[in-house]
Protein backbone atom coordinates (compact mmCIF):
# COMPACT_ATOMS: atom_id res chain seq x y z
CA MET A 1 -21.69 2.67 -35.76
CA PRO A 2 -24.99 1.09 -36.52
CA ALA A 3 -26.81 -1.64 -34.67
CA ALA A 4 -24.24 -4.40 -34.26
CA PRO A 5 -24.68 -8.05 -35.15
CA ARG A 6 -24.74 -10.78 -32.52
CA ALA A 7 -20.96 -11.02 -32.30
CA SER A 8 -18.18 -11.04 -29.73
CA VAL A 9 -14.42 -10.91 -30.12
CA PRO A 10 -11.60 -10.71 -27.55
CA THR A 11 -11.02 -7.36 -25.90
CA LEU A 12 -7.61 -5.84 -26.68
CA PRO A 13 -5.77 -2.93 -25.08
CA PRO A 14 -5.51 0.34 -27.02
CA ALA A 15 -2.99 0.03 -29.83
CA ALA A 16 0.14 2.14 -30.03
CA ASP A 17 1.32 3.42 -33.38
CA GLY A 18 2.94 0.57 -35.28
CA ALA A 19 1.27 -2.11 -33.14
CA PRO A 20 -1.62 -4.33 -34.30
CA LEU A 21 -4.73 -2.19 -34.14
CA ALA A 22 -7.14 -3.07 -31.34
CA ARG A 23 -10.74 -3.77 -32.27
CA ALA A 24 -13.49 -5.25 -30.12
CA LEU A 25 -17.24 -5.77 -30.40
CA HIS A 26 -19.54 -7.23 -27.75
CA ALA A 27 -23.35 -7.27 -27.65
CA ARG A 28 -25.89 -8.42 -25.08
CA ALA A 29 -29.53 -8.54 -26.10
CA GLY A 30 -31.74 -6.16 -24.15
CA ILE A 31 -28.74 -4.41 -22.56
CA GLY A 32 -26.33 -2.86 -25.04
CA ILE A 33 -23.24 -2.99 -27.22
CA ALA A 34 -19.61 -2.15 -26.48
CA ALA A 35 -17.31 -1.48 -29.41
CA GLN A 36 -13.81 -0.26 -30.01
CA VAL A 37 -13.74 1.18 -33.53
CA VAL A 38 -10.52 1.61 -35.47
CA GLN A 39 -10.01 2.98 -38.99
CA GLY A 40 -6.74 3.04 -40.84
CA ARG A 41 -7.66 6.16 -42.79
CA GLY A 42 -10.06 9.06 -42.56
CA LEU A 43 -13.46 8.43 -44.11
CA ALA A 44 -16.85 10.10 -44.52
CA VAL A 45 -19.74 7.74 -43.86
CA LEU A 46 -23.03 9.17 -45.05
CA ARG A 47 -26.64 8.36 -44.19
CA MET A 48 -25.97 5.94 -41.34
CA ARG A 49 -28.95 4.82 -39.32
CA VAL A 50 -28.54 5.00 -35.54
CA GLU A 51 -31.32 2.96 -33.95
CA GLN A 52 -30.28 3.14 -30.30
CA PRO A 53 -28.73 5.98 -28.27
CA ALA A 54 -24.95 5.87 -27.93
CA LEU A 55 -22.08 7.45 -26.04
CA VAL A 56 -18.82 7.75 -27.99
CA PHE A 57 -15.42 8.63 -26.55
CA VAL A 58 -12.85 9.65 -29.16
CA ALA A 59 -9.33 8.35 -28.46
CA ARG A 60 -7.52 9.29 -31.69
CA GLY A 61 -8.45 11.51 -34.58
CA ILE A 62 -11.52 13.73 -34.87
CA LYS A 63 -15.17 12.70 -35.17
CA THR A 64 -17.80 14.99 -36.69
CA VAL A 65 -21.51 14.14 -36.69
CA HIS A 66 -24.08 15.83 -38.91
CA ALA A 67 -27.61 15.08 -37.72
CA ALA A 68 -30.68 16.14 -39.69
CA GLN A 69 -31.74 19.74 -39.04
CA ALA A 70 -29.04 20.16 -36.39
CA LYS A 71 -25.68 21.86 -36.16
CA ALA A 72 -22.64 19.65 -36.80
CA VAL A 73 -20.93 18.38 -33.65
CA ARG A 74 -17.15 17.81 -33.61
CA ALA A 75 -15.25 15.82 -30.97
CA LEU A 76 -11.48 15.84 -30.39
CA PRO A 77 -9.47 13.18 -28.54
CA GLY A 78 -10.59 13.00 -24.92
CA GLN A 79 -14.01 14.42 -25.73
CA ALA A 80 -17.29 12.53 -26.07
CA LEU A 81 -20.42 12.58 -28.21
CA VAL A 82 -23.93 11.51 -27.26
CA LEU A 83 -26.18 10.37 -30.10
CA ALA A 84 -29.93 9.93 -29.91
CA GLY A 85 -31.48 6.80 -31.36
CA GLN A 86 -33.85 6.43 -34.32
CA GLN A 87 -32.16 8.91 -36.60
CA THR A 88 -29.99 9.02 -39.73
CA VAL A 89 -26.69 10.89 -39.50
CA ASP A 90 -23.45 11.53 -41.42
CA PHE A 91 -20.15 10.62 -39.77
CA HIS A 92 -16.76 12.11 -40.66
CA ASN A 93 -13.83 10.35 -39.01
CA GLU A 94 -10.56 12.21 -39.52
CA ILE A 95 -6.99 11.08 -38.86
CA THR A 96 -4.47 13.52 -37.41
CA GLU A 97 -0.70 13.40 -37.05
CA GLY A 98 -0.35 10.31 -39.22
CA ALA A 99 -2.02 8.03 -36.67
CA HIS A 100 -5.23 6.04 -37.02
CA TYR A 101 -8.77 6.90 -35.97
CA GLU A 102 -10.00 5.22 -32.79
CA ALA A 103 -13.13 5.58 -30.70
CA ARG A 104 -14.94 3.60 -28.00
CA TRP A 105 -18.68 3.16 -28.29
CA LEU A 106 -21.34 2.27 -25.74
CA VAL A 107 -24.77 1.68 -27.26
CA PHE A 108 -27.78 1.60 -24.91
CA ASP A 109 -30.57 -0.81 -25.70
CA ASN A 110 -33.90 0.98 -26.01
CA ALA A 111 -35.27 -1.22 -23.22
CA LEU A 112 -33.02 0.61 -20.74
CA LEU A 113 -34.75 3.89 -21.51
CA GLU A 114 -37.93 2.48 -19.98
CA ASP A 115 -36.29 1.76 -16.62
CA ALA A 116 -38.59 3.32 -14.00
CA GLY A 117 -35.82 4.98 -12.01
CA TYR A 118 -34.22 6.48 -15.09
CA ARG A 119 -37.51 7.69 -16.52
CA ALA A 120 -38.37 9.44 -13.24
CA ARG A 121 -35.07 11.33 -13.13
CA ALA A 122 -35.17 12.09 -16.86
CA ALA A 123 -38.67 13.55 -16.44
CA GLU A 124 -37.34 15.84 -13.68
CA HIS A 125 -34.61 17.12 -15.98
CA GLU A 126 -37.06 17.63 -18.84
CA ALA A 127 -39.34 19.58 -16.51
CA ARG A 128 -36.39 21.94 -15.90
CA GLY A 129 -36.05 22.53 -19.62
CA VAL A 130 -33.44 19.90 -20.52
CA ALA A 131 -34.48 18.55 -23.92
CA PRO A 132 -33.08 15.52 -25.73
CA ALA A 133 -30.69 16.40 -28.58
CA ALA A 134 -29.89 14.55 -31.79
CA ALA A 135 -26.16 14.92 -31.11
CA ARG A 136 -24.45 16.50 -28.12
CA LEU A 137 -20.78 17.25 -27.48
CA LEU A 138 -19.28 16.67 -24.04
CA ALA A 139 -16.16 18.78 -24.31
CA GLN A 140 -15.06 18.04 -20.75
CA PRO A 141 -16.63 14.78 -19.59
CA SER A 142 -16.23 14.22 -15.87
CA ARG A 143 -14.00 11.51 -14.44
CA GLU A 144 -17.10 9.92 -12.92
CA LEU A 145 -18.74 9.62 -16.35
CA GLU A 146 -15.57 8.19 -17.87
CA ASP A 147 -15.26 5.65 -15.08
CA ALA A 148 -18.90 4.61 -15.42
CA PHE A 149 -18.48 4.36 -19.20
CA GLU A 150 -15.43 2.09 -18.89
CA SER A 151 -17.09 -0.05 -16.22
CA ALA A 152 -20.15 -0.52 -18.43
CA ARG A 153 -18.07 -1.22 -21.51
CA LEU A 154 -15.90 -3.78 -19.73
CA GLY A 155 -18.99 -5.31 -18.14
CA LEU A 156 -20.39 -6.08 -21.57
CA CYS A 157 -17.03 -7.53 -22.62
CA ALA A 158 -16.50 -9.74 -19.59
CA GLY A 159 -18.40 -12.99 -19.76
CA ALA A 160 -18.16 -13.40 -15.98
CA VAL A 161 -20.31 -10.31 -15.38
CA PRO A 162 -23.99 -11.34 -15.04
CA ASP A 163 -26.51 -9.63 -17.31
CA ALA A 164 -28.19 -7.96 -14.33
CA ILE A 165 -24.90 -6.34 -13.29
CA ALA A 166 -24.04 -5.33 -16.86
CA ARG A 167 -27.47 -3.70 -17.14
CA LEU A 168 -26.94 -1.73 -13.91
CA ARG A 169 -23.57 -0.49 -15.18
CA LEU A 170 -25.13 0.91 -18.34
CA LEU A 171 -27.90 2.51 -16.29
CA GLU A 172 -25.27 4.12 -14.06
CA THR A 173 -23.70 5.66 -17.17
CA MET A 174 -27.10 6.96 -18.26
CA HIS A 175 -27.60 8.58 -14.85
CA TRP A 176 -24.19 10.27 -15.06
CA LEU A 177 -25.23 11.61 -18.45
CA LEU A 178 -28.21 13.20 -16.71
CA GLU A 179 -25.71 14.93 -14.40
CA HIS A 180 -24.16 16.37 -17.58
CA GLY A 181 -27.56 17.64 -18.71
CA VAL A 182 -28.08 14.89 -21.30
CA VAL A 183 -31.45 13.15 -21.55
CA LEU A 184 -31.68 10.11 -23.80
CA ARG A 185 -34.77 9.82 -25.94
CA SER A 186 -37.32 7.07 -25.42
CA PRO A 187 -38.22 5.09 -28.56
CA ALA A 188 -41.42 5.88 -30.39
CA VAL A 189 -44.48 4.26 -28.86
CA ARG A 190 -45.64 3.10 -32.29
CA PRO A 191 -42.57 2.68 -34.52
CA ASP A 192 -43.08 3.17 -38.23
CA VAL A 193 -42.97 0.23 -40.60
CA SER A 194 -39.36 0.99 -41.61
CA THR A 195 -38.22 0.71 -38.00
CA ARG A 196 -40.14 -2.52 -37.53
CA VAL A 197 -38.50 -3.99 -40.63
CA ARG A 198 -35.03 -2.93 -39.47
CA THR A 199 -35.64 -4.54 -36.08
CA LEU A 200 -36.92 -7.73 -37.70
CA ILE A 201 -33.99 -8.28 -40.05
CA ALA A 202 -31.21 -7.01 -37.76
CA GLY A 203 -30.38 -10.33 -36.13
CA SER A 204 -30.38 -12.44 -39.32
CA LEU A 205 -28.85 -10.39 -42.11
CA ALA A 206 -27.46 -13.48 -43.81
CA ASP A 207 -31.04 -14.63 -44.54
CA ALA A 208 -32.68 -13.85 -47.88
CA TRP A 209 -35.69 -11.98 -46.41
CA PRO A 210 -38.15 -12.20 -49.32
CA ALA A 211 -41.11 -9.83 -49.21
CA ASP A 212 -43.61 -12.57 -48.39
CA ARG A 213 -41.63 -13.57 -45.27
CA VAL A 214 -41.29 -9.98 -44.03
CA ALA A 215 -44.98 -9.28 -44.65
CA ARG A 216 -45.95 -12.46 -42.82
CA GLU A 217 -43.72 -11.61 -39.83
CA LEU A 218 -45.31 -8.15 -39.63
CA ALA A 219 -48.84 -9.57 -40.03
CA GLN A 220 -49.73 -7.64 -43.18
CA SER A 221 -50.02 -8.23 -46.91
CA GLN A 222 -47.13 -7.72 -49.32
CA ALA A 223 -49.07 -4.95 -51.05
CA SER A 224 -49.65 -3.15 -47.75
CA LEU A 225 -45.98 -3.54 -46.83
CA ARG A 226 -44.80 -2.05 -50.13
CA ARG A 227 -47.32 0.78 -49.91
CA ARG A 228 -46.41 1.74 -46.35
CA LEU A 229 -42.68 1.62 -47.00
CA ALA A 230 -43.13 3.74 -50.13
CA ALA A 231 -45.05 6.29 -48.06
CA GLU A 232 -42.01 6.44 -45.74
CA GLY A 233 -39.71 6.99 -48.72
CA THR A 234 -38.03 3.60 -48.79
CA SER A 235 -38.41 -0.03 -49.88
CA LEU A 236 -37.64 -3.47 -48.51
CA THR A 237 -34.65 -3.81 -50.85
CA GLN A 238 -33.22 -0.49 -49.71
CA LEU A 239 -33.72 -1.29 -46.03
CA LEU A 240 -32.10 -4.69 -46.36
CA THR A 241 -29.14 -3.34 -48.34
CA ASP A 242 -28.59 -0.46 -45.92
CA ALA A 243 -28.75 -2.79 -42.91
CA ARG A 244 -26.29 -5.22 -44.47
CA MET A 245 -23.86 -2.50 -45.48
CA ALA A 246 -24.06 -0.72 -42.12
CA THR A 247 -23.39 -3.96 -40.27
CA ALA A 248 -20.54 -4.78 -42.65
CA LEU A 249 -18.98 -1.39 -41.92
CA THR A 250 -19.28 -2.03 -38.18
CA LEU A 251 -17.59 -5.42 -38.52
CA LEU A 252 -14.76 -3.87 -40.53
CA GLN A 253 -14.30 -1.08 -37.99
CA ALA A 254 -14.76 -3.05 -34.78
CA THR A 255 -13.49 -6.58 -35.52
CA ASN A 256 -10.51 -8.10 -37.29
CA ARG A 257 -12.58 -10.49 -39.36
CA PRO A 258 -11.35 -10.94 -42.95
CA VAL A 259 -13.44 -9.22 -45.61
CA THR A 260 -14.61 -12.60 -46.91
CA GLN A 261 -16.07 -13.46 -43.50
CA VAL A 262 -17.71 -10.06 -43.22
CA ALA A 263 -19.34 -10.59 -46.62
CA LEU A 264 -20.75 -13.97 -45.53
CA ALA A 265 -21.99 -12.56 -42.23
CA VAL A 266 -24.21 -10.03 -44.03
CA GLY A 267 -25.56 -12.35 -46.70
CA TYR A 268 -23.07 -12.20 -49.60
CA GLU A 269 -21.51 -15.48 -50.72
CA SER A 270 -19.46 -13.63 -53.33
CA PRO A 271 -16.82 -11.30 -51.82
CA SER A 272 -16.50 -9.47 -55.14
CA ARG A 273 -20.22 -8.77 -55.32
CA PHE A 274 -20.10 -7.62 -51.70
CA ALA A 275 -17.20 -5.27 -52.47
CA VAL A 276 -19.08 -3.74 -55.41
CA ARG A 277 -22.20 -3.18 -53.31
CA PHE A 278 -20.15 -1.77 -50.43
CA ARG A 279 -18.33 0.69 -52.68
CA HIS A 280 -21.62 1.74 -54.29
CA ARG A 281 -23.12 2.42 -50.85
CA PHE A 282 -20.21 4.24 -49.19
CA GLY A 283 -17.98 5.42 -52.02
CA PHE A 284 -14.92 3.46 -50.87
CA ALA A 285 -13.83 -0.19 -50.84
CA PRO A 286 -14.14 -2.44 -47.76
CA THR A 287 -10.33 -2.60 -47.52
CA ALA A 288 -10.18 1.19 -47.26
CA VAL A 289 -11.65 1.04 -43.74
CA ARG A 290 -8.47 -0.59 -42.46
CA GLY A 291 -6.30 1.57 -44.68
CA HIS A 292 -2.59 1.54 -43.89
CA GLU A 293 -2.74 -1.90 -42.26
CA ARG A 294 -2.07 -3.37 -45.72
CA SER A 295 1.28 -1.59 -45.83
CA PRO A 296 4.49 -3.20 -44.49
């Protein structure tokens, strides 16, 4: 799941087989994102950008993560995965026993990694040889971690929970991860131009984002912008397309919005054009994400 859009939908209980599938997505700026992801069929999602660290509990199916220059990590139901931010990974979500795939996500805003108390404890762990990992399996997560995870997730979902309390709940989860020997990476002090562009466009993917606007927002010329992005192996068009498609995938997995609404949310007035672009990017149609839900 990539960086989520500014969206919120009602929280639903886990779905039983044959019941309407439960999806939920809630985001609070500067704090984090809670998502319940459901897929109606197994899919491989390649080259997904993960900007912020995340904790994923698998409820149904199997999730495998391939991070660059790292061994694949595979999580079964009841297990958890920790993903570092600012990396590109491949996801393989498998369905077992004829059910659907379901996982709960908690995404930590990078601002939380700069919390003084967390940084002090993380530094102690690093001094003992605990290094951040691109992807880490928690085969037997403790009850305390699970409880903290659910409290943080529900805190983001509940509008009555103040931001300060929601923030503390996510920090508590991060501290329990330290007890499991997991240190979350701090963001780069000087992010590259690609990261700055992704951050800029993330909240307004329905906008056109011409090169002159992006260059102006980043206080550089269009020529300099193109040159720097080319040196990083990408382009503005590629970054914008990837961000739109990644957000579209998240909306399909973690909300029940119709495909036409998803297309509009990421800047496509034509659902057919959106579907073509989506299939070109992922290798499957938008409707494939929800799979068997189209069947009687």
